[in-house]
PDB file of all heavy atoms in Angstrom:
ATOM      1  N   ASP A   1     280.175 134.766 -44.754  1.00  0.00           N
ATOM      2  CA  ASP A   1     280.277 135.865 -43.728  1.00  0.00           C
ATOM      3  C   ASP A   1     279.106 135.977 -42.836  1.00  0.00           C
ATOM      4  O   ASP A   1     279.056 136.748 -41.873  1.00  0.00           O
ATOM      5  CB  ASP A   1     280.449 137.225 -44.503  1.00  0.00           C
ATOM      6  CG  ASP A   1     279.407 137.580 -45.439  1.00  0.00           C
ATOM      7  OD1 ASP A   1     278.617 136.712 -45.694  1.00  0.00           O
ATOM      8  OD2 ASP A   1     279.300 138.825 -45.763  1.00  0.00           O
ATOM      9  N   GLN A   2     278.066 135.144 -43.007  1.00  0.00           N
ATOM     10  CA  GLN A   2     276.895 135.139 -42.057  1.00  0.00           C
ATOM     11  C   GLN A   2     277.033 133.937 -41.155  1.00  0.00           C
ATOM     12  O   GLN A   2     277.442 132.873 -41.500  1.00  0.00           O
ATOM     13  CB  GLN A   2     275.612 135.008 -42.825  1.00  0.00           C
ATOM     14  CG  GLN A   2     275.280 136.166 -43.655  1.00  0.00           C
ATOM     15  CD  GLN A   2     274.013 136.023 -44.383  1.00  0.00           C
ATOM     16  OE1 GLN A   2     273.342 135.034 -44.312  1.00  0.00           O
ATOM     17  NE2 GLN A   2     273.616 137.096 -45.134  1.00  0.00           N
ATOM     18  N   PRO A   3     276.686 134.193 -39.790  1.00  0.00           N
ATOM     19  CA  PRO A   3     276.668 133.010 -38.903  1.00  0.00           C
ATOM     20  C   PRO A   3     275.617 131.996 -39.276  1.00  0.00           C
ATOM     21  O   PRO A   3     274.587 132.275 -39.785  1.00  0.00           O
ATOM     22  CB  PRO A   3     276.461 133.727 -37.525  1.00  0.00           C
ATOM     23  CG  PRO A   3     275.637 134.910 -37.756  1.00  0.00           C
ATOM     24  CD  PRO A   3     276.212 135.459 -39.248  1.00  0.00           C
ATOM     25  N   ALA A   4     275.918 130.688 -38.960  1.00  0.00           N
ATOM     26  CA  ALA A   4     275.035 129.670 -39.075  1.00  0.00           C
ATOM     27  C   ALA A   4     273.831 129.873 -38.117  1.00  0.00           C
ATOM     28  O   ALA A   4     274.100 130.298 -37.056  1.00  0.00           O
ATOM     29  CB  ALA A   4     275.647 128.369 -38.938  1.00  0.00           C
ATOM     30  N   GLN A   5     272.621 129.509 -38.546  1.00  0.00           N
ATOM     31  CA  GLN A   5     271.442 129.541 -37.661  1.00  0.00           C
ATOM     32  C   GLN A   5     271.369 128.242 -36.896  1.00  0.00           C
ATOM     33  O   GLN A   5     271.543 127.217 -37.402  1.00  0.00           O
ATOM     34  CB  GLN A   5     270.257 129.809 -38.469  1.00  0.00           C
ATOM     35  CG  GLN A   5     270.239 131.087 -39.300  1.00  0.00           C
ATOM     36  CD  GLN A   5     270.149 132.217 -38.363  1.00  0.00           C
ATOM     37  OE1 GLN A   5     269.471 132.286 -37.404  1.00  0.00           O
ATOM     38  NE2 GLN A   5     270.869 133.334 -38.781  1.00  0.00           N
ATOM     39  N   ALA A   6     270.934 128.478 -35.667  1.00  0.00           N
ATOM     40  CA  ALA A   6     270.867 127.311 -34.712  1.00  0.00           C
ATOM     41  C   ALA A   6     269.490 126.633 -35.107  1.00  0.00           C
ATOM     42  O   ALA A   6     268.523 127.234 -35.454  1.00  0.00           O
ATOM     43  CB  ALA A   6     270.812 127.767 -33.370  1.00  0.00           C
ATOM     44  N   ILE A   7     269.543 125.242 -35.004  1.00  0.00           N
ATOM     45  CA  ILE A   7     268.392 124.474 -35.255  1.00  0.00           C
ATOM     46  C   ILE A   7     267.240 124.888 -34.184  1.00  0.00           C
ATOM     47  O   ILE A   7     267.645 124.983 -32.997  1.00  0.00           O
ATOM     48  CB  ILE A   7     268.564 122.959 -35.210  1.00  0.00           C
ATOM     49  CG1 ILE A   7     269.591 122.563 -36.300  1.00  0.00           C
ATOM     50  CG2 ILE A   7     267.333 122.165 -35.292  1.00  0.00           C
ATOM     51  CD1 ILE A   7     270.006 121.137 -36.331  1.00  0.00           C
ATOM     52  N   GLY A   8     266.174 125.185 -34.689  1.00  0.00           N
ATOM     53  CA  GLY A   8     265.061 125.595 -33.752  1.00  0.00           C
ATOM     54  C   GLY A   8     264.936 127.110 -33.722  1.00  0.00           C
ATOM     55  O   GLY A   8     263.878 127.608 -33.266  1.00  0.00           O
ATOM     56  N   SER A   9     265.864 127.906 -34.258  1.00  0.00           N
ATOM     57  CA  SER A   9     265.770 129.290 -34.365  1.00  0.00           C
ATOM     58  C   SER A   9     264.777 129.620 -35.502  1.00  0.00           C
ATOM     59  O   SER A   9     264.612 128.926 -36.528  1.00  0.00           O
ATOM     60  CB  SER A   9     267.002 129.963 -34.584  1.00  0.00           C
ATOM     61  OG  SER A   9     267.498 129.769 -35.804  1.00  0.00           O
ATOM     62  N   PRO A  10     264.043 130.830 -35.384  1.00  0.00           N
ATOM     63  CA  PRO A  10     263.082 131.125 -36.446  1.00  0.00           C
ATOM     64  C   PRO A  10     263.605 131.205 -37.849  1.00  0.00           C
ATOM     65  O   PRO A  10     263.037 130.856 -38.882  1.00  0.00           O
ATOM     66  CB  PRO A  10     262.540 132.449 -36.097  1.00  0.00           C
ATOM     67  CG  PRO A  10     262.827 132.636 -34.604  1.00  0.00           C
ATOM     68  CD  PRO A  10     264.156 131.744 -34.283  1.00  0.00           C
ATOM     69  N   ALA A  11     264.911 131.494 -37.986  1.00  0.00           N
ATOM     70  CA  ALA A  11     265.603 131.719 -39.326  1.00  0.00           C
ATOM     71  C   ALA A  11     266.042 130.403 -39.908  1.00  0.00           C
ATOM     72  O   ALA A  11     266.442 130.399 -40.985  1.00  0.00           O
ATOM     73  CB  ALA A  11     266.740 132.735 -39.124  1.00  0.00           C
ATOM     74  N   TYR A  12     266.126 129.295 -39.023  1.00  0.00           N
ATOM     75  CA  TYR A  12     266.611 128.074 -39.548  1.00  0.00           C
ATOM     76  C   TYR A  12     265.710 127.449 -40.499  1.00  0.00           C
ATOM     77  O   TYR A  12     264.516 127.300 -40.216  1.00  0.00           O
ATOM     78  CB  TYR A  12     266.899 127.095 -38.313  1.00  0.00           C
ATOM     79  CG  TYR A  12     267.336 125.736 -38.809  1.00  0.00           C
ATOM     80  CD1 TYR A  12     268.654 125.501 -39.190  1.00  0.00           C
ATOM     81  CD2 TYR A  12     266.473 124.671 -38.809  1.00  0.00           C
ATOM     82  CE1 TYR A  12     269.059 124.283 -39.652  1.00  0.00           C
ATOM     83  CE2 TYR A  12     266.857 123.428 -39.303  1.00  0.00           C
ATOM     84  CZ  TYR A  12     268.106 123.224 -39.627  1.00  0.00           C
ATOM     85  OH  TYR A  12     268.480 121.900 -40.052  1.00  0.00           O
ATOM     86  N   THR A  13     266.176 126.973 -41.571  1.00  0.00           N
ATOM     87  CA  THR A  13     265.361 126.213 -42.580  1.00  0.00           C
ATOM     88  C   THR A  13     266.103 124.903 -42.754  1.00  0.00           C
ATOM     89  O   THR A  13     267.324 124.890 -43.064  1.00  0.00           O
ATOM     90  CB  THR A  13     265.100 126.873 -43.887  1.00  0.00           C
ATOM     91  OG1 THR A  13     266.339 127.204 -44.489  1.00  0.00           O
ATOM     92  CG2 THR A  13     264.136 128.140 -43.717  1.00  0.00           C
ATOM     93  N   ARG A  14     265.380 123.784 -42.788  1.00  0.00           N
ATOM     94  CA  ARG A  14     266.017 122.455 -42.858  1.00  0.00           C
ATOM     95  C   ARG A  14     266.420 122.351 -44.418  1.00  0.00           C
ATOM     96  O   ARG A  14     265.704 122.715 -45.209  1.00  0.00           O
ATOM     97  CB  ARG A  14     264.979 121.341 -42.622  1.00  0.00           C
ATOM     98  CG  ARG A  14     265.521 119.973 -42.814  1.00  0.00           C
ATOM     99  CD  ARG A  14     264.500 118.944 -42.427  1.00  0.00           C
ATOM    100  NE  ARG A  14     264.409 119.005 -40.970  1.00  0.00           N
ATOM    101  CZ  ARG A  14     263.579 118.278 -40.213  1.00  0.00           C
ATOM    102  NH1 ARG A  14     262.699 117.557 -40.765  1.00  0.00           N
ATOM    103  NH2 ARG A  14     263.552 118.376 -38.907  1.00  0.00           N
ATOM    104  N   PRO A  15     267.606 121.782 -44.634  1.00  0.00           N
ATOM    105  CA  PRO A  15     267.986 121.637 -46.052  1.00  0.00           C
ATOM    106  C   PRO A  15     266.990 120.686 -46.672  1.00  0.00           C
ATOM    107  O   PRO A  15     266.450 119.650 -46.106  1.00  0.00           O
ATOM    108  CB  PRO A  15     269.370 120.870 -45.953  1.00  0.00           C
ATOM    109  CG  PRO A  15     269.822 121.073 -44.520  1.00  0.00           C
ATOM    110  CD  PRO A  15     268.556 121.361 -43.702  1.00  0.00           C
ATOM    111  N   ARG A  16     266.657 120.986 -47.917  1.00  0.00           N
ATOM    112  CA  ARG A  16     265.593 120.183 -48.610  1.00  0.00           C
ATOM    113  C   ARG A  16     266.330 118.903 -49.211  1.00  0.00           C
ATOM    114  O   ARG A  16     267.299 119.002 -49.825  1.00  0.00           O
ATOM    115  CB  ARG A  16     264.887 120.938 -49.740  1.00  0.00           C
ATOM    116  CG  ARG A  16     264.286 122.166 -49.169  1.00  0.00           C
ATOM    117  CD  ARG A  16     263.270 122.692 -50.181  1.00  0.00           C
ATOM    118  NE  ARG A  16     262.709 123.926 -49.613  1.00  0.00           N
ATOM    119  CZ  ARG A  16     261.497 123.964 -49.030  1.00  0.00           C
ATOM    120  NH1 ARG A  16     260.819 122.897 -48.874  1.00  0.00           N
ATOM    121  NH2 ARG A  16     261.082 125.180 -48.562  1.00  0.00           N
ATOM    122  N   ARG A  17     265.539 117.759 -49.067  1.00  0.00           N
ATOM    123  CA  ARG A  17     265.946 116.558 -49.600  1.00  0.00           C
ATOM    124  C   ARG A  17     265.292 116.376 -50.909  1.00  0.00           C
ATOM    125  O   ARG A  17     264.201 116.817 -51.103  1.00  0.00           O
ATOM    126  CB  ARG A  17     265.688 115.399 -48.793  1.00  0.00           C
ATOM    127  CG  ARG A  17     266.451 115.244 -47.499  1.00  0.00           C
ATOM    128  CD  ARG A  17     266.175 113.982 -46.686  1.00  0.00           C
ATOM    129  NE  ARG A  17     264.797 113.805 -46.589  1.00  0.00           N
ATOM    130  CZ  ARG A  17     264.250 112.688 -46.069  1.00  0.00           C
ATOM    131  NH1 ARG A  17     265.001 111.682 -45.826  1.00  0.00           N
ATOM    132  NH2 ARG A  17     263.034 112.632 -45.892  1.00  0.00           N
ATOM    133  N   ARG A  18     266.046 115.795 -51.841  1.00  0.00           N
ATOM    134  CA  ARG A  18     265.494 115.494 -53.123  1.00  0.00           C
ATOM    135  C   ARG A  18     264.515 114.191 -53.033  1.00  0.00           C
ATOM    136  O   ARG A  18     265.056 113.270 -52.617  1.00  0.00           O
ATOM    137  CB  ARG A  18     266.505 115.338 -54.170  1.00  0.00           C
ATOM    138  CG  ARG A  18     265.962 115.127 -55.567  1.00  0.00           C
ATOM    139  CD  ARG A  18     267.145 115.084 -56.537  1.00  0.00           C
ATOM    140  NE  ARG A  18     266.761 115.956 -57.630  1.00  0.00           N
ATOM    141  CZ  ARG A  18     267.503 116.300 -58.658  1.00  0.00           C
ATOM    142  NH1 ARG A  18     268.770 115.897 -58.612  1.00  0.00           N
ATOM    143  NH2 ARG A  18     267.091 117.079 -59.569  1.00  0.00           N
ATOM    144  N   LEU A  19     263.321 114.323 -53.467  1.00  0.00           N
ATOM    145  CA  LEU A  19     262.514 113.111 -53.451  1.00  0.00           C
ATOM    146  C   LEU A  19     262.631 112.312 -54.697  1.00  0.00           C
ATOM    147  O   LEU A  19     262.729 112.855 -55.723  1.00  0.00           O
ATOM    148  CB  LEU A  19     261.028 113.556 -53.195  1.00  0.00           C
ATOM    149  CG  LEU A  19     260.741 114.346 -51.975  1.00  0.00           C
ATOM    150  CD1 LEU A  19     259.275 114.758 -52.011  1.00  0.00           C
ATOM    151  CD2 LEU A  19     260.945 113.484 -50.745  1.00  0.00           C
ATOM    152  N   ASN A  20     262.734 110.990 -54.430  1.00  0.00           N
ATOM    153  CA  ASN A  20     262.644 110.160 -55.643  1.00  0.00           C
ATOM    154  C   ASN A  20     261.192 109.948 -56.047  1.00  0.00           C
ATOM    155  O   ASN A  20     260.485 109.271 -55.325  1.00  0.00           O
ATOM    156  CB  ASN A  20     263.287 108.843 -55.188  1.00  0.00           C
ATOM    157  CG  ASN A  20     263.325 107.892 -56.356  1.00  0.00           C
ATOM    158  OD1 ASN A  20     262.951 108.227 -57.524  1.00  0.00           O
ATOM    159  ND2 ASN A  20     263.787 106.709 -56.182  1.00  0.00           N
ATOM    160  N   LEU A  21     260.859 110.557 -57.064  1.00  0.00           N
ATOM    161  CA  LEU A  21     259.405 110.448 -57.571  1.00  0.00           C
ATOM    162  C   LEU A  21     259.302 109.412 -58.554  1.00  0.00           C
ATOM    163  O   LEU A  21     258.153 109.330 -59.292  1.00  0.00           O
ATOM    164  CB  LEU A  21     258.990 111.800 -58.084  1.00  0.00           C
ATOM    165  CG  LEU A  21     258.998 112.924 -57.005  1.00  0.00           C
ATOM    166  CD1 LEU A  21     258.600 114.309 -57.711  1.00  0.00           C
ATOM    167  CD2 LEU A  21     258.052 112.650 -55.931  1.00  0.00           C
ATOM    168  N   ALA A  22     260.198 108.495 -58.813  1.00  0.00           N
ATOM    169  CA  ALA A  22     260.032 107.345 -59.650  1.00  0.00           C
ATOM    170  C   ALA A  22     258.853 106.551 -59.182  1.00  0.00           C
ATOM    171  O   ALA A  22     258.678 106.348 -57.987  1.00  0.00           O
ATOM    172  CB  ALA A  22     261.286 106.609 -59.769  1.00  0.00           C
ATOM    173  N   PRO A  23     257.972 106.038 -60.099  1.00  0.00           N
ATOM    174  CA  PRO A  23     256.872 105.220 -59.625  1.00  0.00           C
ATOM    175  C   PRO A  23     257.352 103.872 -58.957  1.00  0.00           C
ATOM    176  O   PRO A  23     258.518 103.425 -59.368  1.00  0.00           O
ATOM    177  CB  PRO A  23     256.127 104.835 -60.910  1.00  0.00           C
ATOM    178  CG  PRO A  23     257.156 105.222 -62.077  1.00  0.00           C
ATOM    179  CD  PRO A  23     258.091 106.184 -61.536  1.00  0.00           C
ATOM    180  N   MET A  24     256.657 103.594 -57.911  1.00  0.00           N
ATOM    181  CA  MET A  24     256.910 102.330 -57.207  1.00  0.00           C
ATOM    182  C   MET A  24     256.879 101.247 -58.093  1.00  0.00           C
ATOM    183  O   MET A  24     256.007 101.153 -58.984  1.00  0.00           O
ATOM    184  CB  MET A  24     255.883 102.184 -56.092  1.00  0.00           C
ATOM    185  CG  MET A  24     256.311 102.539 -54.758  1.00  0.00           C
ATOM    186  SD  MET A  24     255.066 101.966 -53.514  1.00  0.00           S
ATOM    187  CE  MET A  24     253.865 103.260 -53.816  1.00  0.00           C
ATOM    188  N   THR A  25     257.726 100.271 -57.987  1.00  0.00           N
ATOM    189  CA  THR A  25     257.642  98.903 -58.747  1.00  0.00           C
ATOM    190  C   THR A  25     256.814  97.940 -57.842  1.00  0.00           C
ATOM    191  O   THR A  25     257.388  97.552 -56.770  1.00  0.00           O
ATOM    192  CB  THR A  25     258.987  98.487 -59.001  1.00  0.00           C
ATOM    193  OG1 THR A  25     259.658  99.484 -59.798  1.00  0.00           O
ATOM    194  CG2 THR A  25     258.907  97.199 -59.889  1.00  0.00           C
ATOM    195  N   LEU A  26     255.673  97.646 -58.279  1.00  0.00           N
ATOM    196  CA  LEU A  26     254.853  96.614 -57.640  1.00  0.00           C
ATOM    197  C   LEU A  26     254.657  95.408 -58.460  1.00  0.00           C
ATOM    198  O   LEU A  26     254.405  95.541 -59.725  1.00  0.00           O
ATOM    199  CB  LEU A  26     253.533  97.209 -57.249  1.00  0.00           C
ATOM    200  CG  LEU A  26     253.448  98.355 -56.304  1.00  0.00           C
ATOM    201  CD1 LEU A  26     252.069  98.875 -56.144  1.00  0.00           C
ATOM    202  CD2 LEU A  26     254.058  97.967 -54.947  1.00  0.00           C
ATOM    203  N   LYS A  27     254.903  94.219 -58.013  1.00  0.00           N
ATOM    204  CA  LYS A  27     254.675  92.975 -58.642  1.00  0.00           C
ATOM    205  C   LYS A  27     253.316  92.558 -58.089  1.00  0.00           C
ATOM    206  O   LYS A  27     253.227  92.013 -56.967  1.00  0.00           O
ATOM    207  CB  LYS A  27     255.808  91.943 -58.450  1.00  0.00           C
ATOM    208  CG  LYS A  27     255.494  90.645 -59.169  1.00  0.00           C
ATOM    209  CD  LYS A  27     256.555  89.718 -58.733  1.00  0.00           C
ATOM    210  CE  LYS A  27     256.077  88.329 -59.189  1.00  0.00           C
ATOM    211  NZ  LYS A  27     256.799  87.278 -58.444  1.00  0.00           N
ATOM    212  N   ILE A  28     252.295  92.610 -58.814  1.00  0.00           N
ATOM    213  CA  ILE A  28     250.956  92.217 -58.427  1.00  0.00           C
ATOM    214  C   ILE A  28     250.566  90.933 -59.219  1.00  0.00           C
ATOM    215  O   ILE A  28     250.532  90.969 -60.323  1.00  0.00           O
ATOM    216  CB  ILE A  28     249.881  93.331 -58.616  1.00  0.00           C
ATOM    217  CG1 ILE A  28     250.349  94.636 -57.968  1.00  0.00           C
ATOM    218  CG2 ILE A  28     248.512  92.843 -58.142  1.00  0.00           C
ATOM    219  CD1 ILE A  28     249.448  95.810 -58.205  1.00  0.00           C
ATOM    220  N   THR A  29     250.145  90.008 -58.369  1.00  0.00           N
ATOM    221  CA  THR A  29     249.670  88.681 -58.946  1.00  0.00           C
ATOM    222  C   THR A  29     248.216  88.432 -58.381  1.00  0.00           C
ATOM    223  O   THR A  29     247.985  88.527 -57.115  1.00  0.00           O
ATOM    224  CB  THR A  29     250.469  87.531 -58.574  1.00  0.00           C
ATOM    225  OG1 THR A  29     251.935  87.848 -58.895  1.00  0.00           O
ATOM    226  CG2 THR A  29     250.171  86.241 -59.266  1.00  0.00           C
ATOM    227  N   VAL A  30     247.227  88.159 -59.233  1.00  0.00           N
ATOM    228  CA  VAL A  30     245.969  87.882 -58.862  1.00  0.00           C
ATOM    229  C   VAL A  30     245.599  86.442 -59.282  1.00  0.00           C
ATOM    230  O   VAL A  30     245.713  86.079 -60.428  1.00  0.00           O
ATOM    231  CB  VAL A  30     244.972  88.816 -59.660  1.00  0.00           C
ATOM    232  CG1 VAL A  30     243.582  88.450 -59.188  1.00  0.00           C
ATOM    233  CG2 VAL A  30     245.266  90.218 -59.311  1.00  0.00           C
ATOM    234  N   TYR A  31     245.464  85.581 -58.232  1.00  0.00           N
ATOM    235  CA  TYR A  31     245.026  84.167 -58.367  1.00  0.00           C
ATOM    236  C   TYR A  31     243.504  84.233 -58.375  1.00  0.00           C
ATOM    237  O   TYR A  31     242.849  84.737 -57.518  1.00  0.00           O
ATOM    238  CB  TYR A  31     245.494  83.295 -57.170  1.00  0.00           C
ATOM    239  CG  TYR A  31     246.990  83.190 -57.325  1.00  0.00           C
ATOM    240  CD1 TYR A  31     247.887  83.988 -56.675  1.00  0.00           C
ATOM    241  CD2 TYR A  31     247.627  82.028 -57.997  1.00  0.00           C
ATOM    242  CE1 TYR A  31     249.230  83.893 -56.731  1.00  0.00           C
ATOM    243  CE2 TYR A  31     248.964  81.898 -58.013  1.00  0.00           C
ATOM    244  CZ  TYR A  31     249.803  82.833 -57.380  1.00  0.00           C
ATOM    245  OH  TYR A  31     251.121  82.660 -57.453  1.00  0.00           O
ATOM    246  N   SER A  32     242.945  83.688 -59.474  1.00  0.00           N
ATOM    247  CA  SER A  32     241.479  83.788 -59.653  1.00  0.00           C
ATOM    248  C   SER A  32     240.903  82.462 -60.219  1.00  0.00           C
ATOM    249  O   SER A  32     241.653  81.504 -60.437  1.00  0.00           O
ATOM    250  CB  SER A  32     241.137  84.953 -60.639  1.00  0.00           C
ATOM    251  OG  SER A  32     241.671  84.627 -62.001  1.00  0.00           O
ATOM    252  N   LYS A  33     239.590  82.464 -60.412  1.00  0.00           N
ATOM    253  CA  LYS A  33     239.019  81.363 -61.024  1.00  0.00           C
ATOM    254  C   LYS A  33     237.749  81.998 -61.985  1.00  0.00           C
ATOM    255  O   LYS A  33     237.404  83.087 -61.796  1.00  0.00           O
ATOM    256  CB  LYS A  33     238.341  80.364 -59.957  1.00  0.00           C
ATOM    257  CG  LYS A  33     237.162  81.001 -59.191  1.00  0.00           C
ATOM    258  CD  LYS A  33     236.667  79.996 -58.167  1.00  0.00           C
ATOM    259  CE  LYS A  33     235.531  80.571 -57.449  1.00  0.00           C
ATOM    260  NZ  LYS A  33     234.944  79.596 -56.544  1.00  0.00           N
ATOM    261  N   SER A  34     237.354  81.143 -62.882  1.00  0.00           N
ATOM    262  CA  SER A  34     236.303  81.564 -63.775  1.00  0.00           C
ATOM    263  C   SER A  34     235.037  81.788 -62.940  1.00  0.00           C
ATOM    264  O   SER A  34     234.825  81.206 -61.943  1.00  0.00           O
ATOM    265  CB  SER A  34     236.032  80.533 -64.764  1.00  0.00           C
ATOM    266  OG  SER A  34     237.265  80.387 -65.606  1.00  0.00           O
ATOM    267  N   ALA A  35     234.206  82.654 -63.461  1.00  0.00           N
ATOM    268  CA  ALA A  35     232.832  82.997 -63.014  1.00  0.00           C
ATOM    269  C   ALA A  35     232.926  83.444 -61.530  1.00  0.00           C
ATOM    270  O   ALA A  35     232.222  82.886 -60.698  1.00  0.00           O
ATOM    271  CB  ALA A  35     231.932  81.768 -63.085  1.00  0.00           C
ATOM    272  N   CYS A  36     233.826  84.342 -61.262  1.00  0.00           N
ATOM    273  CA  CYS A  36     234.026  84.811 -59.886  1.00  0.00           C
ATOM    274  C   CYS A  36     233.837  86.281 -59.909  1.00  0.00           C
ATOM    275  O   CYS A  36     234.747  86.939 -60.271  1.00  0.00           O
ATOM    276  CB  CYS A  36     235.525  84.449 -59.422  1.00  0.00           C
ATOM    277  SG  CYS A  36     236.018  85.179 -57.861  1.00  0.00           S
ATOM    278  N   PRO A  37     232.739  86.850 -59.351  1.00  0.00           N
ATOM    279  CA  PRO A  37     232.555  88.288 -59.319  1.00  0.00           C
ATOM    280  C   PRO A  37     233.610  89.026 -58.505  1.00  0.00           C
ATOM    281  O   PRO A  37     233.956  90.167 -58.916  1.00  0.00           O
ATOM    282  CB  PRO A  37     231.146  88.384 -58.706  1.00  0.00           C
ATOM    283  CG  PRO A  37     230.447  87.043 -58.703  1.00  0.00           C
ATOM    284  CD  PRO A  37     231.597  86.006 -58.847  1.00  0.00           C
ATOM    285  N   GLN A  38     234.098  88.469 -57.418  1.00  0.00           N
ATOM    286  CA  GLN A  38     235.066  89.159 -56.704  1.00  0.00           C
ATOM    287  C   GLN A  38     236.417  89.210 -57.345  1.00  0.00           C
ATOM    288  O   GLN A  38     237.062  90.317 -57.339  1.00  0.00           O
ATOM    289  CB  GLN A  38     235.262  88.485 -55.222  1.00  0.00           C
ATOM    290  CG  GLN A  38     234.086  88.558 -54.401  1.00  0.00           C
ATOM    291  CD  GLN A  38     233.155  87.481 -54.587  1.00  0.00           C
ATOM    292  OE1 GLN A  38     233.292  86.604 -55.511  1.00  0.00           O
ATOM    293  NE2 GLN A  38     232.028  87.441 -53.895  1.00  0.00           N
ATOM    294  N   CYS A  39     236.703  88.262 -58.227  1.00  0.00           N
ATOM    295  CA  CYS A  39     237.907  88.202 -58.991  1.00  0.00           C
ATOM    296  C   CYS A  39     237.859  89.412 -60.048  1.00  0.00           C
ATOM    297  O   CYS A  39     238.779  90.150 -60.228  1.00  0.00           O
ATOM    298  CB  CYS A  39     238.164  86.904 -59.675  1.00  0.00           C
ATOM    299  SG  CYS A  39     238.267  85.513 -58.570  1.00  0.00           S
ATOM    300  N   GLU A  40     236.640  89.427 -60.592  1.00  0.00           N
ATOM    301  CA  GLU A  40     236.461  90.492 -61.654  1.00  0.00           C
ATOM    302  C   GLU A  40     236.629  91.881 -61.007  1.00  0.00           C
ATOM    303  O   GLU A  40     237.136  92.784 -61.655  1.00  0.00           O
ATOM    304  CB  GLU A  40     235.106  90.371 -62.380  1.00  0.00           C
ATOM    305  CG  GLU A  40     235.031  89.050 -63.151  1.00  0.00           C
ATOM    306  CD  GLU A  40     236.078  88.910 -64.337  1.00  0.00           C
ATOM    307  OE1 GLU A  40     236.441  89.949 -64.911  1.00  0.00           O
ATOM    308  OE2 GLU A  40     236.650  87.916 -64.465  1.00  0.00           O
ATOM    309  N   SER A  41     236.000  92.080 -59.827  1.00  0.00           N
ATOM    310  CA  SER A  41     236.119  93.298 -59.226  1.00  0.00           C
ATOM    311  C   SER A  41     237.436  93.745 -58.889  1.00  0.00           C
ATOM    312  O   SER A  41     237.872  94.894 -59.055  1.00  0.00           O
ATOM    313  CB  SER A  41     235.213  93.340 -57.894  1.00  0.00           C
ATOM    314  OG  SER A  41     233.845  93.164 -58.287  1.00  0.00           O
ATOM    315  N   ALA A  42     238.310  92.722 -58.396  1.00  0.00           N
ATOM    316  CA  ALA A  42     239.664  92.992 -58.035  1.00  0.00           C
ATOM    317  C   ALA A  42     240.527  93.392 -59.269  1.00  0.00           C
ATOM    318  O   ALA A  42     241.304  94.436 -59.316  1.00  0.00           O
ATOM    319  CB  ALA A  42     240.292  91.813 -57.443  1.00  0.00           C
ATOM    320  N   LYS A  43     240.239  92.667 -60.391  1.00  0.00           N
ATOM    321  CA  LYS A  43     240.946  93.064 -61.616  1.00  0.00           C
ATOM    322  C   LYS A  43     240.554  94.413 -62.118  1.00  0.00           C
ATOM    323  O   LYS A  43     241.270  95.224 -62.684  1.00  0.00           O
ATOM    324  CB  LYS A  43     240.770  91.987 -62.716  1.00  0.00           C
ATOM    325  CG  LYS A  43     241.393  90.638 -62.272  1.00  0.00           C
ATOM    326  CD  LYS A  43     241.296  89.573 -63.344  1.00  0.00           C
ATOM    327  CE  LYS A  43     239.810  89.139 -63.501  1.00  0.00           C
ATOM    328  NZ  LYS A  43     239.696  88.008 -64.552  1.00  0.00           N
ATOM    329  N   SER A  44     239.256  94.654 -62.116  1.00  0.00           N
ATOM    330  CA  SER A  44     238.762  95.998 -62.500  1.00  0.00           C
ATOM    331  C   SER A  44     239.261  97.172 -61.620  1.00  0.00           C
ATOM    332  O   SER A  44     239.694  98.159 -62.258  1.00  0.00           O
ATOM    333  CB  SER A  44     237.158  96.064 -62.370  1.00  0.00           C
ATOM    334  OG  SER A  44     236.615  95.238 -63.283  1.00  0.00           O
ATOM    335  N   LEU A  45     239.432  96.997 -60.356  1.00  0.00           N
ATOM    336  CA  LEU A  45     240.074  97.965 -59.569  1.00  0.00           C
ATOM    337  C   LEU A  45     241.515  98.205 -59.926  1.00  0.00           C
ATOM    338  O   LEU A  45     241.966  99.333 -60.011  1.00  0.00           O
ATOM    339  CB  LEU A  45     240.041  97.507 -58.110  1.00  0.00           C
ATOM    340  CG  LEU A  45     240.805  98.309 -56.992  1.00  0.00           C
ATOM    341  CD1 LEU A  45     240.112  99.779 -56.974  1.00  0.00           C
ATOM    342  CD2 LEU A  45     240.697  97.590 -55.652  1.00  0.00           C
ATOM    343  N   LEU A  46     242.245  97.183 -60.270  1.00  0.00           N
ATOM    344  CA  LEU A  46     243.637  97.352 -60.681  1.00  0.00           C
ATOM    345  C   LEU A  46     243.771  98.096 -61.966  1.00  0.00           C
ATOM    346  O   LEU A  46     244.596  99.081 -62.290  1.00  0.00           O
ATOM    347  CB  LEU A  46     244.358  95.983 -60.768  1.00  0.00           C
ATOM    348  CG  LEU A  46     244.574  95.420 -59.355  1.00  0.00           C
ATOM    349  CD1 LEU A  46     245.058  93.820 -59.514  1.00  0.00           C
ATOM    350  CD2 LEU A  46     245.597  96.143 -58.547  1.00  0.00           C
TER     351      LEU A  46
END
């Protein structure tokens, strides 16, 4: 029984979308070599 609000009017609220909060699937591959400080830093960061 209420009229629809026009987009842009103060009473209009956008319908809320449901966010997919599932964690991103990342396939991370680190190519490294022995005795490599930068390689160790990259792995430590991950």
